[in-house]
Protein backbone atom coordinates (compact mmCIF):
# COMPACT_ATOMS: atom_id res chain seq x y z
CA MET A 1 111.85 99.75 104.04
CA ARG A 2 114.12 102.23 102.24
CA PHE A 3 117.18 103.89 103.84
CA ASP A 4 115.18 107.07 104.37
CA GLY A 5 112.73 105.16 106.55
CA THR A 6 109.83 105.12 104.07
CA PRO A 7 108.16 101.82 103.08
CA LEU A 8 109.61 100.02 100.06
CA PHE A 9 106.10 99.05 98.90
CA PRO A 10 102.91 101.12 99.15
CA GLU A 11 99.78 99.95 100.90
CA ARG A 12 97.46 97.42 99.22
CA ARG A 13 93.68 97.49 99.50
CA ALA A 14 91.26 94.92 98.07
CA TYR A 15 87.48 95.19 97.74
CA THR A 16 84.85 92.57 97.00
CA VAL A 17 82.12 93.63 94.57
CA ALA A 18 79.33 91.07 94.91
CA TYR A 19 76.44 91.22 92.46
CA HIS A 20 73.44 89.03 91.64
CA LEU A 21 72.58 87.62 88.24
CA SER A 22 69.30 88.72 86.70
CA SER A 23 66.51 86.18 86.23
CA GLU A 24 67.46 85.71 82.55
CA GLU A 25 71.14 85.30 83.42
CA MET A 26 70.26 82.89 86.21
CA ALA A 27 68.18 80.79 83.84
CA LEU A 28 71.15 80.45 81.44
CA TYR A 29 73.49 79.72 84.35
CA GLU A 30 71.29 76.90 85.64
CA ALA A 31 70.87 75.41 82.15
CA VAL A 32 74.59 75.43 81.30
CA THR A 33 75.54 74.20 84.79
CA ALA A 34 73.09 71.32 84.46
CA TYR A 35 74.72 70.37 81.15
CA VAL A 36 78.22 70.55 82.69
CA ARG A 37 77.18 68.44 85.69
CA GLU A 38 75.52 65.81 83.51
CA GLU A 39 78.55 65.50 81.25
CA MET A 40 80.89 65.29 84.27
CA ASN A 41 78.79 62.49 85.69
CA ARG A 42 78.92 60.61 82.36
CA ALA A 43 82.70 61.10 82.24
CA GLU A 44 83.06 59.18 85.52
CA SER A 45 82.77 55.93 83.59
CA LEU A 46 85.62 56.81 81.21
CA GLU A 47 89.23 55.81 81.60
CA GLU A 48 91.31 58.16 83.74
CA GLY A 49 93.03 60.22 81.02
CA ARG A 50 89.85 60.84 79.06
CA ARG A 51 87.85 61.55 82.22
CA ARG A 52 90.42 64.11 83.36
CA THR A 53 90.50 65.88 79.97
CA VAL A 54 86.69 66.01 79.60
CA GLY A 55 86.39 67.35 83.13
CA PHE A 56 88.89 70.12 82.47
CA ALA A 57 87.16 71.10 79.21
CA LEU A 58 83.83 71.34 81.02
CA THR A 59 85.29 73.49 83.81
CA LEU A 60 86.60 75.88 81.16
CA LEU A 61 83.08 76.09 79.73
CA GLN A 62 81.72 76.86 83.21
CA ARG A 63 84.31 79.60 83.69
CA ARG A 64 83.36 81.17 80.36
CA LEU A 65 79.76 81.11 81.52
CA ALA A 66 80.79 83.29 84.48
CA SER A 67 82.94 85.54 82.29
CA SER A 68 80.61 87.24 79.79
CA PRO A 69 77.59 86.56 77.52
CA LEU A 70 79.83 86.74 74.46
CA ALA A 71 82.32 84.22 75.86
CA ILE A 72 79.69 81.57 76.65
CA ALA A 73 77.76 82.14 73.40
CA ARG A 74 80.84 81.67 71.26
CA SER A 75 82.04 78.70 73.31
CA LEU A 76 78.72 76.89 72.91
CA GLU A 77 78.69 77.60 69.18
CA ARG A 78 82.25 76.34 68.66
CA ARG A 79 81.62 73.21 70.71
CA ARG A 80 78.40 72.45 68.81
CA LYS A 81 80.14 72.79 65.43
CA ARG A 82 83.04 70.58 66.51
CA LEU A 83 80.75 67.85 67.79
CA GLU A 84 78.72 68.01 64.57
CA ALA A 85 81.95 67.41 62.62
CA ARG A 86 82.76 64.58 65.02
CA LEU A 87 79.31 63.05 64.51
CA SER A 88 79.84 63.12 60.75
CA GLU A 89 83.08 61.16 61.18
CA VAL A 90 81.40 58.61 63.46
CA ARG A 91 78.66 58.05 60.88
CA ARG A 92 81.35 57.32 58.29
CA GLY A 93 82.75 54.59 60.53
CA LEU A 94 85.68 56.58 61.90
CA VAL A 95 86.64 56.65 65.57
CA PRO A 96 88.01 60.16 66.17
CA GLY A 97 89.95 60.89 69.34
CA PHE A 98 91.31 63.99 71.05
CA PRO A 99 94.54 64.79 72.92
CA LEU A 100 94.57 63.80 76.58
CA LEU A 101 95.91 65.99 79.37
CA GLU A 102 97.98 64.75 82.29
CA GLU A 103 97.40 66.09 85.79
CA GLU A 104 100.71 67.96 85.57
CA ASP A 105 99.52 69.65 82.37
CA ILE A 106 96.38 70.93 84.06
CA GLU A 107 98.29 72.18 87.11
CA GLU A 108 100.76 74.00 84.88
CA LEU A 109 97.98 75.58 82.82
CA GLU A 110 96.32 76.82 86.00
CA GLU A 111 99.61 78.29 87.23
CA PHE A 112 100.81 79.71 83.88
CA PRO A 113 97.76 80.36 81.67
CA THR A 114 98.14 80.21 77.92
CA GLU A 115 95.56 81.29 75.40
CA GLU A 116 96.80 78.61 73.05
CA LEU A 117 94.95 76.02 75.15
CA GLU A 118 91.88 78.18 75.57
CA GLY A 119 91.46 78.47 71.84
CA ALA A 120 92.48 74.90 71.00
CA PRO A 121 89.39 73.15 69.58
CA GLU A 122 90.88 69.71 70.07
CA VAL A 123 90.76 70.18 73.85
CA LEU A 124 87.89 72.50 74.70
CA ASP A 125 85.50 71.76 71.84
CA GLN A 126 86.06 68.08 71.11
CA ALA A 127 86.56 66.62 74.59
CA THR A 128 83.28 64.81 75.15
CA ALA A 129 82.01 61.87 77.16
CA ALA A 130 79.77 60.73 74.27
CA ARG A 131 80.73 57.34 72.86
CA THR A 132 78.05 56.66 70.26
CA ALA A 133 76.32 58.57 67.49
CA ALA A 134 73.11 58.66 69.54
CA GLU A 135 74.90 60.21 72.53
CA LEU A 136 76.55 62.79 70.29
CA GLU A 137 73.19 63.68 68.70
CA ALA A 138 71.65 64.20 72.13
CA GLU A 139 74.53 66.40 73.27
CA ILE A 140 74.35 68.46 70.07
CA ARG A 141 70.61 69.08 70.61
CA THR A 142 71.35 70.32 74.12
CA LEU A 143 74.11 72.61 72.84
CA LYS A 144 71.83 74.11 70.17
CA ALA A 145 69.24 75.05 72.79
CA LEU A 146 71.89 76.53 75.11
CA GLU A 147 73.49 78.45 72.23
CA ALA A 148 70.15 80.02 71.26
CA GLN A 149 69.49 80.99 74.89
CA ALA A 150 72.96 82.55 75.27
CA LYS A 151 72.63 84.57 72.05
CA ARG A 152 69.25 85.94 73.15
CA LEU A 153 70.82 87.09 76.41
CA LEU A 154 73.74 88.62 74.55
CA GLY A 155 71.38 90.60 72.31
CA GLU A 156 69.52 92.06 75.31
CA GLU A 157 72.72 93.74 76.57
CA GLN A 158 71.55 93.50 80.18
CA ASP A 159 74.74 92.16 81.70
CA ARG A 160 74.79 92.66 85.49
CA LYS A 161 78.54 92.13 85.68
CA TRP A 162 79.17 94.83 83.10
CA GLN A 163 76.81 97.14 84.98
CA GLU A 164 78.91 96.71 88.13
CA LEU A 165 82.09 97.56 86.22
CA ARG A 166 80.43 100.65 84.75
CA ARG A 167 79.38 101.73 88.24
CA LEU A 168 83.00 101.40 89.41
CA LEU A 169 84.22 103.51 86.48
CA GLU A 170 81.92 106.31 87.62
CA SER A 171 83.22 106.26 91.22
CA ASP A 172 85.38 109.10 92.53
CA LEU A 173 88.35 106.82 93.20
CA ILE A 174 88.58 105.61 89.59
CA ARG A 175 87.18 108.42 87.46
CA GLY A 176 89.96 110.25 85.57
CA ARG A 177 92.69 107.76 86.53
CA LYS A 178 94.33 104.93 84.63
CA LEU A 179 92.75 101.54 85.28
CA ILE A 180 93.66 97.93 84.39
CA VAL A 181 90.92 95.33 83.85
CA PHE A 182 91.97 91.67 83.91
CA THR A 183 89.98 88.91 82.22
CA GLU A 184 90.69 85.24 81.54
CA HIS A 185 89.30 84.97 78.03
CA ARG A 186 89.94 86.60 74.66
CA ASP A 187 86.22 86.68 73.86
CA THR A 188 85.53 88.67 77.03
CA LEU A 189 88.47 90.97 76.28
CA GLU A 190 86.89 91.77 72.90
CA TYR A 191 83.50 92.22 74.59
CA LEU A 192 84.89 94.65 77.17
CA GLU A 193 86.99 96.58 74.67
CA LYS A 194 83.88 97.31 72.59
CA ARG A 195 81.64 98.22 75.53
CA LEU A 196 84.28 100.36 77.25
CA SER A 197 84.99 102.28 74.03
CA THR A 198 81.27 102.99 73.65
CA PHE A 199 80.89 103.96 77.30
CA LEU A 200 83.81 106.42 77.20
CA GLY A 201 82.93 107.71 73.74
CA ARG A 202 86.61 107.53 72.76
CA PRO A 203 87.87 104.26 71.24
CA GLU A 204 91.45 105.53 71.50
CA ALA A 205 91.09 105.63 75.30
CA VAL A 206 91.11 101.81 75.51
CA VAL A 207 94.01 99.48 74.69
CA SER A 208 94.20 95.71 75.08
CA LEU A 209 96.94 93.15 75.71
CA HIS A 210 96.51 89.47 74.94
CA GLY A 211 98.67 86.48 74.13
CA GLY A 212 97.93 86.64 70.40
CA LEU A 213 99.98 89.82 69.96
CA SER A 214 103.63 89.88 68.94
CA ARG A 215 106.17 90.94 71.53
CA GLU A 216 106.77 94.22 69.73
CA GLU A 217 103.05 95.01 69.49
CA ARG A 218 102.61 94.28 73.20
CA ARG A 219 105.48 96.62 74.01
CA LEU A 220 103.99 99.40 71.89
CA ARG A 221 100.55 99.05 73.48
CA GLN A 222 102.02 98.97 76.96
CA ALA A 223 103.95 102.17 76.16
CA ARG A 224 100.77 103.83 74.90
CA PHE A 225 98.99 103.02 78.14
CA ALA A 226 101.91 104.29 80.22
CA GLN A 227 102.74 107.47 78.31
CA ASP A 228 99.66 108.63 76.40
CA PRO A 229 97.39 110.73 78.65
CA LYS A 230 94.45 110.00 76.33
CA VAL A 231 94.62 106.27 77.13
CA ALA A 232 92.68 105.59 80.32
CA LEU A 233 91.94 101.85 80.31
CA LEU A 234 93.95 98.70 79.69
CA VAL A 235 92.12 95.39 79.23
CA ALA A 236 94.46 92.41 79.56
CA THR A 237 94.48 88.63 79.85
CA ASP A 238 96.75 86.72 82.21
CA ALA A 239 98.81 85.41 79.29
CA ALA A 240 99.63 88.97 78.22
CA GLY A 241 100.14 90.33 81.73
CA GLU A 242 102.73 87.73 82.78
CA GLY A 243 105.88 89.54 83.93
CA VAL A 244 104.71 92.92 82.64
CA ASN A 245 105.38 96.08 84.67
CA LEU A 246 102.17 98.12 84.75
CA GLN A 247 102.95 100.35 87.73
CA GLN A 248 101.98 103.46 85.77
CA ALA A 249 98.54 102.58 87.15
CA HIS A 250 97.62 101.79 90.73
CA LEU A 251 94.00 100.71 90.18
CA MET A 252 92.95 97.25 89.00
CA VAL A 253 89.71 95.30 88.50
CA ASN A 254 89.51 91.50 88.30
CA TYR A 255 86.61 91.10 85.89
CA ASP A 256 87.21 87.34 85.93
CA LEU A 257 88.45 85.57 89.05
CA PRO A 258 91.09 82.89 88.46
CA TRP A 259 90.58 79.47 90.00
CA ASN A 260 94.18 79.53 91.18
CA PRO A 261 94.56 82.22 93.91
CA SER A 262 98.28 82.65 93.18
CA ARG A 263 97.25 84.39 89.96
CA LEU A 264 95.43 87.02 92.02
CA GLU A 265 98.77 87.64 93.70
CA GLN A 266 100.52 87.80 90.31
CA ARG A 267 97.97 90.26 88.93
CA PHE A 268 98.28 92.54 91.94
CA GLY A 269 102.05 92.37 91.47
CA ARG A 270 101.73 94.03 88.05
CA ILE A 271 100.98 97.33 89.82
CA HIS A 272 102.23 96.73 93.37
CA ARG A 273 106.02 96.67 92.90
CA ILE A 274 109.18 98.59 93.79
CA GLY A 275 108.88 102.13 92.45
CA GLN A 276 105.12 102.40 92.94
CA THR A 277 104.30 105.50 94.99
CA GLU A 278 100.50 105.29 95.18
CA VAL A 279 98.26 103.12 97.33
CA CYS A 280 97.21 100.15 95.17
CA HIS A 281 93.53 99.25 94.93
CA MET A 282 92.01 96.03 93.57
CA TRP A 283 88.33 95.23 93.01
CA ASN A 284 87.11 91.62 92.62
CA LEU A 285 83.78 91.04 90.83
CA VAL A 286 81.91 87.89 91.89
CA ALA A 287 78.36 86.60 91.27
CA ALA A 288 77.02 85.87 94.75
CA ASN A 289 74.06 83.71 93.65
CA THR A 290 76.03 81.02 91.80
CA ARG A 291 77.40 77.83 93.32
CA GLU A 292 81.07 78.56 92.67
CA GLY A 293 80.48 82.26 93.34
CA GLU A 294 79.29 81.53 96.88
CA VAL A 295 82.54 79.70 97.66
CA TYR A 296 84.72 82.39 96.08
CA LEU A 297 82.77 85.12 97.87
CA ARG A 298 83.45 83.47 101.23
CA LEU A 299 87.16 83.35 100.36
CA LEU A 300 87.27 87.03 99.32
CA GLU A 301 85.41 88.15 102.42
CA LYS A 302 87.82 86.28 104.69
CA LEU A 303 90.81 87.68 102.79
CA GLU A 304 89.42 91.19 103.08
CA GLU A 305 88.86 90.71 106.80
CA GLN A 306 92.39 89.39 107.42
CA SER A 307 93.87 92.04 105.15
CA ARG A 308 92.53 94.78 107.40
CA ASP A 309 94.23 93.16 110.40
CA LEU A 310 97.51 92.26 108.70
CA GLY A 311 97.99 95.36 106.56
CA GLY A 312 97.48 93.72 103.17
CA ARG A 313 100.31 91.22 103.64
CA VAL A 314 97.94 88.29 103.00
CA PHE A 315 98.43 88.86 99.27
CA ASP A 316 102.05 87.77 99.64
CA VAL A 317 101.01 84.19 100.45
CA LEU A 318 97.86 83.63 98.38
CA GLY A 319 99.58 80.92 96.37
CA GLN A 320 100.20 78.89 99.54
CA LEU A 321 96.67 78.93 100.96
CA PHE A 322 95.32 75.88 99.13
CA GLN A 323 98.33 73.61 98.80
CA ASP A 324 96.54 70.67 100.44
CA HIS A 325 93.14 71.18 98.80
CA PRO A 326 93.34 73.20 95.53
CA LEU A 327 90.70 75.88 95.21
CA ARG A 328 89.87 74.51 91.75
CA ASP A 329 88.73 71.21 93.32
CA LEU A 330 86.53 73.03 95.83
CA LEU A 331 84.86 75.07 93.07
CA ILE A 332 84.22 71.98 90.95
CA GLU A 333 82.67 70.26 93.96
CA ALA A 334 80.47 73.30 94.49
CA ILE A 335 79.28 73.16 90.87
CA ARG A 336 78.44 69.47 91.08
CA TYR A 337 77.01 69.22 94.60
CA GLY A 338 76.64 72.80 95.82
CA GLU A 339 72.84 72.60 96.18
CA ASP A 340 73.36 70.25 99.14
CA PRO A 341 73.52 72.36 102.35
CA GLU A 342 75.93 69.93 104.00
CA VAL A 343 78.35 70.07 101.06
CA ARG A 344 78.14 73.86 101.00
CA ALA A 345 78.86 74.08 104.74
CA ARG A 346 81.84 71.75 104.40
CA LEU A 347 83.27 73.80 101.54
CA PHE A 348 82.90 76.98 103.58
CA ARG A 349 84.76 75.38 106.49
CA LYS A 350 87.65 74.42 104.18
CA VAL A 351 87.88 77.97 102.86
CA GLU A 352 87.80 79.48 106.34
CA GLY A 353 90.45 77.03 107.52
CA ALA A 354 92.72 78.01 104.63
CA VAL A 355 92.47 81.68 105.63
CA ASP A 356 92.67 81.10 109.37
CA ARG A 357 94.58 83.87 111.14
CA LYS A 358 97.09 81.57 112.84
CA ARG A 359 97.82 79.81 109.56
CA LEU A 360 98.27 83.12 107.76
CA LEU A 361 100.69 84.36 110.42
CA ALA A 362 102.72 81.16 110.11
CA LEU A 363 102.86 81.49 106.31
CA LEU A 364 103.85 85.15 106.57
CA GLU A 365 106.56 84.33 109.09
CA GLY A 366 108.04 81.85 106.66
CA ALA A 367 107.85 84.35 103.80
CA LEU A 368 109.65 87.18 105.64
CA ALA A 369 113.39 87.78 105.37
CA LYS A 370 115.24 86.53 108.45
CA GLU A 371 118.08 89.05 108.38
CA VAL A 372 117.10 92.65 109.12
CA LEU A 373 118.98 95.82 110.04
CA ASP A 374 118.42 97.27 113.46
CA PRO A 375 117.28 100.93 113.53
CA ARG A 376 120.69 102.27 114.67
CA ARG A 377 122.58 100.52 111.83
CA LEU A 378 119.97 101.73 109.33
CA SER A 379 120.42 105.30 110.59
CA ASP A 380 124.23 105.06 110.27
CA LEU A 381 123.98 103.78 106.70
CA ARG A 382 121.59 106.59 105.80
CA GLU A 383 124.02 109.22 107.15
CA GLU A 384 126.92 107.68 105.21
CA MET A 385 124.90 107.80 102.00
CA GLU A 386 123.96 111.45 102.62
CA ARG A 387 127.60 112.42 103.20
CA ALA A 388 128.68 110.60 100.03
CA GLU A 389 125.99 112.41 98.06
CA ALA A 390 127.13 115.77 99.42
CA ARG A 391 130.78 115.09 98.48
CA ARG A 392 130.02 113.94 94.96
CA LEU A 393 131.18 116.30 92.20
CA GLN A 394 128.14 117.28 90.18
CA PRO A 395 128.21 118.21 86.46
CA HIS A 396 126.86 121.71 87.12
CA TYR A 397 129.96 122.46 89.24
CA LEU A 398 132.19 121.75 86.23
CA THR A 399 130.04 123.96 84.00
CA SER A 400 130.18 126.83 86.47
CA PHE A 401 133.95 126.44 86.93
CA PHE A 402 134.67 126.54 83.18
CA ARG A 403 132.48 129.55 82.46
CA GLU A 404 133.88 131.58 85.35
CA ALA A 405 137.47 130.74 84.38
CA LEU A 406 136.98 131.73 80.75
CA GLU A 407 135.26 135.00 81.62
CA ARG A 408 138.07 135.89 84.10
CA LEU A 409 140.54 135.65 81.24
CA GLY A 410 138.44 137.86 78.99
CA GLY A 411 136.87 135.12 76.93
CA SER A 412 133.20 134.80 76.16
CA VAL A 413 130.85 131.81 76.09
CA HIS A 414 127.16 131.58 75.32
CA PRO A 415 124.66 128.76 75.92
CA ARG A 416 123.26 126.93 72.92
CA GLU A 417 120.99 123.88 72.91
CA ALA A 418 120.53 121.93 76.11
CA GLY A 419 123.86 120.67 77.48
CA ARG A 420 126.11 122.62 75.06
CA MET A 421 127.89 126.01 74.99
CA GLU A 422 129.49 128.08 72.25
CA VAL A 423 132.89 129.69 72.91
CA THR A 424 132.88 132.84 70.79
CA PHE A 425 136.31 134.15 71.84
CA VAL A 426 139.42 132.82 73.59
CA PRO A 427 141.95 135.60 74.38
CA PRO A 428 145.48 135.15 73.01
CA GLY A 429 147.14 135.97 76.34
CA ARG A 430 150.13 133.83 77.33
CA ALA A 431 151.02 133.11 80.89
CA GLY A 432 153.82 135.39 82.10
CA ARG A 433 153.41 137.86 79.16
CA GLY A 434 150.73 140.24 80.26
CA ALA A 435 147.91 137.85 80.99
CA PRO A 436 147.91 136.79 84.62
CA ALA A 437 147.56 133.17 85.45
CA VAL A 438 144.53 132.18 87.43
CA HIS A 439 144.98 130.43 90.70
CA PRO A 440 142.29 127.86 91.60
CA GLY A 441 141.56 129.89 94.68
CA ASP A 442 140.33 132.77 92.49
CA LEU A 443 137.58 130.66 90.95
CA PRO A 444 134.11 129.96 92.28
CA GLN A 445 133.85 126.96 94.54
CA GLY A 446 130.28 126.10 93.61
CA PRO A 447 127.15 127.44 91.92
CA GLY A 448 126.30 130.89 93.17
CA GLU A 449 129.39 131.22 95.40
CA PRO A 450 131.74 134.23 94.95
CA SER A 451 135.36 133.79 93.92
CA ARG A 452 137.97 133.70 96.65
CA LYS A 453 140.96 135.86 95.63
CA ALA A 454 144.20 134.33 96.81
CA PRO A 455 146.42 136.86 98.61
CA GLY A 456 149.77 137.89 97.18
CA ARG A 457 151.20 137.83 93.65
CA LEU A 458 149.97 134.99 91.43
CA SER A 459 152.44 132.76 89.63
CA GLY A 460 152.61 132.75 85.87
CA SER A 461 152.97 129.04 85.30
CA ARG A 462 151.61 127.64 82.07
CA ALA A 463 148.87 125.06 82.03
CA PRO A 464 149.33 121.81 80.17
CA PRO A 465 147.27 121.49 77.02
CA LEU A 466 143.95 119.64 77.21
CA GLY A 467 143.87 116.59 74.96
CA ARG A 468 146.40 114.95 72.64
CA GLY A 469 148.52 116.21 69.77
CA ALA A 470 148.33 119.98 70.44
CA LYS A 471 150.80 121.79 68.15
CA GLY A 472 151.56 124.99 69.94
CA HIS A 473 149.59 125.84 73.04
CA ALA A 474 148.64 129.10 71.42
CA GLY A 475 146.85 130.63 74.34
CA GLY A 476 145.29 128.26 76.85
CA LEU A 477 143.66 129.11 80.12
CA GLY A 478 146.84 129.74 82.07
CA GLY A 479 147.04 127.91 85.36
CA VAL A 480 143.55 126.42 85.15
CA PRO A 481 143.81 122.67 85.50
CA GLY A 482 141.95 120.82 82.78
CA ALA A 483 141.41 123.83 80.51
CA GLY A 484 141.92 123.41 76.75
CA ASP A 485 144.73 124.98 74.71
CA GLY A 486 143.97 127.39 71.97
CA ALA A 487 145.24 125.16 69.20
CA GLY A 488 142.52 122.61 69.22
CA GLY A 489 143.23 119.84 71.74
CA ARG A 490 140.60 117.13 71.82
CA GLY A 491 139.37 117.90 75.28
CA GLY A 492 137.51 114.62 75.31
CA HIS A 493 134.76 115.95 73.03
CA GLY A 494 135.94 115.04 69.54
CA ALA A 495 137.52 118.43 68.54
CA PRO A 496 140.12 118.12 65.73
CA ASP A 497 143.83 117.76 66.63
CA ARG A 498 144.92 120.65 64.45
CA PRO A 499 144.93 124.44 64.70
CA CYS A 500 141.81 126.18 63.46
CA PRO A 501 142.29 127.92 60.10
CA GLY A 502 143.30 131.54 60.54
CA ALA A 503 143.95 131.25 64.24
CA ARG A 504 147.13 133.10 65.32
CA GLY A 505 146.89 133.62 69.00
CA GLY A 506 143.61 132.05 69.94
CA ARG A 507 140.72 130.05 68.64
CA ARG A 508 138.66 131.63 65.93
CA PRO A 509 135.33 133.20 66.91
CA GLY A 510 132.39 130.84 66.72
CA ALA A 511 134.24 127.68 67.80
CA ARG A 512 131.94 125.37 69.74
CA PHE A 513 132.72 123.32 72.81
CA PRO A 514 130.30 120.78 74.21
CA ALA A 515 129.54 121.56 77.80
CA PRO A 516 130.32 118.93 80.41
CA PRO A 517 127.59 116.29 80.28
CA LEU A 518 124.66 117.06 82.55
CA ARG A 519 123.66 113.48 83.30
CA GLY A 520 122.83 112.94 86.89
CA GLY A 521 125.27 110.88 88.85
CA GLU A 522 128.29 111.41 86.56
CA PRO A 523 131.24 113.46 87.81
């Protein structure tokens, strides 16, 4: 909460957008999932390091299957080509290997995604359970059939997931506002960028952020999204969105759902942060008729239910929900054994237990700050801040003071560009010789306030020159503290320390003085 009593963070609202794959999409899903399950089963007989690496590569393939037709088609093609090259080496008597991942590597990659791994052929495309040339040939035949099926689906352009996103873009809450779309894969980012540009009819309305961009290019694209009113959509991967402030938008769609729920929290944090003034909305797209989708849908529904009761605070502890049983393990189990009703029921119970209300309240209690200000102390601090703000000398007071003083003495000043004035004439009057000194009481006390004439005869004391090295004090603003002398004192603004040419009793016409700086907060 701020000192004025308003919330420090705006409200958060999350929505689950469940959709069903078409019959053609479902056929591809079942075929690829069968391939993944078969290869995982074969990997069980491998040594631990190789089994772990093959399993992770296959889960990445399954996630690309759920991402977009382009992502799975390209993944199958790359994997097929890599295994063909591997088969050629095996036939020549070579025994090619591939880098192995440790469990810590996989956990780190789930927590801090990097596109370098996603695109690394030695991990995703070469990690196979095949040991012989015959096994490789069989796997390559399977990949060729899956690749052809995926490319047919891609050519039909009947993507149910894309259709759901398009429907969201046409909704009243999103239409005409800036929106961020998060995906896990570069191929899907390219797919969305093309389809969104076609849908909007303005390619310049869509910008993308991904890990392959330089830091400077990312900064420029982020600035375009934030400042250019023509840019409506930002498509980003997790690798590009890490640590980026995107609060110029308050609407976000998770086109791909991460298998680590803490990344949902991190994504939401890109828009829900200090300084955000709008209610933040997040939509999660999930295929309800897939094995892993069923488990994720149950999680999202429970989160949405608890979020209504707890005011959206559940998103503060998403990363702690599955510390004992990682969500990734539950989704893999669903892929391998999800057709079994008993396995499905057990997975649902684990998800519901992770999002149990009592457990959430305990996690939230641990996440809250222990030291808080009571309402009376908060009110006292707010009053002190208001009094300090009222007492602070503002730049416009100095500007008003200087102009009024100069005009009282017969001088003239005119505004120029923003923050600067031009002094066209400074009278040659000298204090005590015809030109009355000005007492501070004569001058205005603030913008728009009349001068207060001090009673009685005013003294004729001279004012010290403003700045260093003044040669003669040839006509300053008598009695006005801080006013400049007529011979060219610096005055803090870089004026020369010498008399102006031709000046006898005052500064020549046309001399320019910078006005006091008008930056907020400076005296």
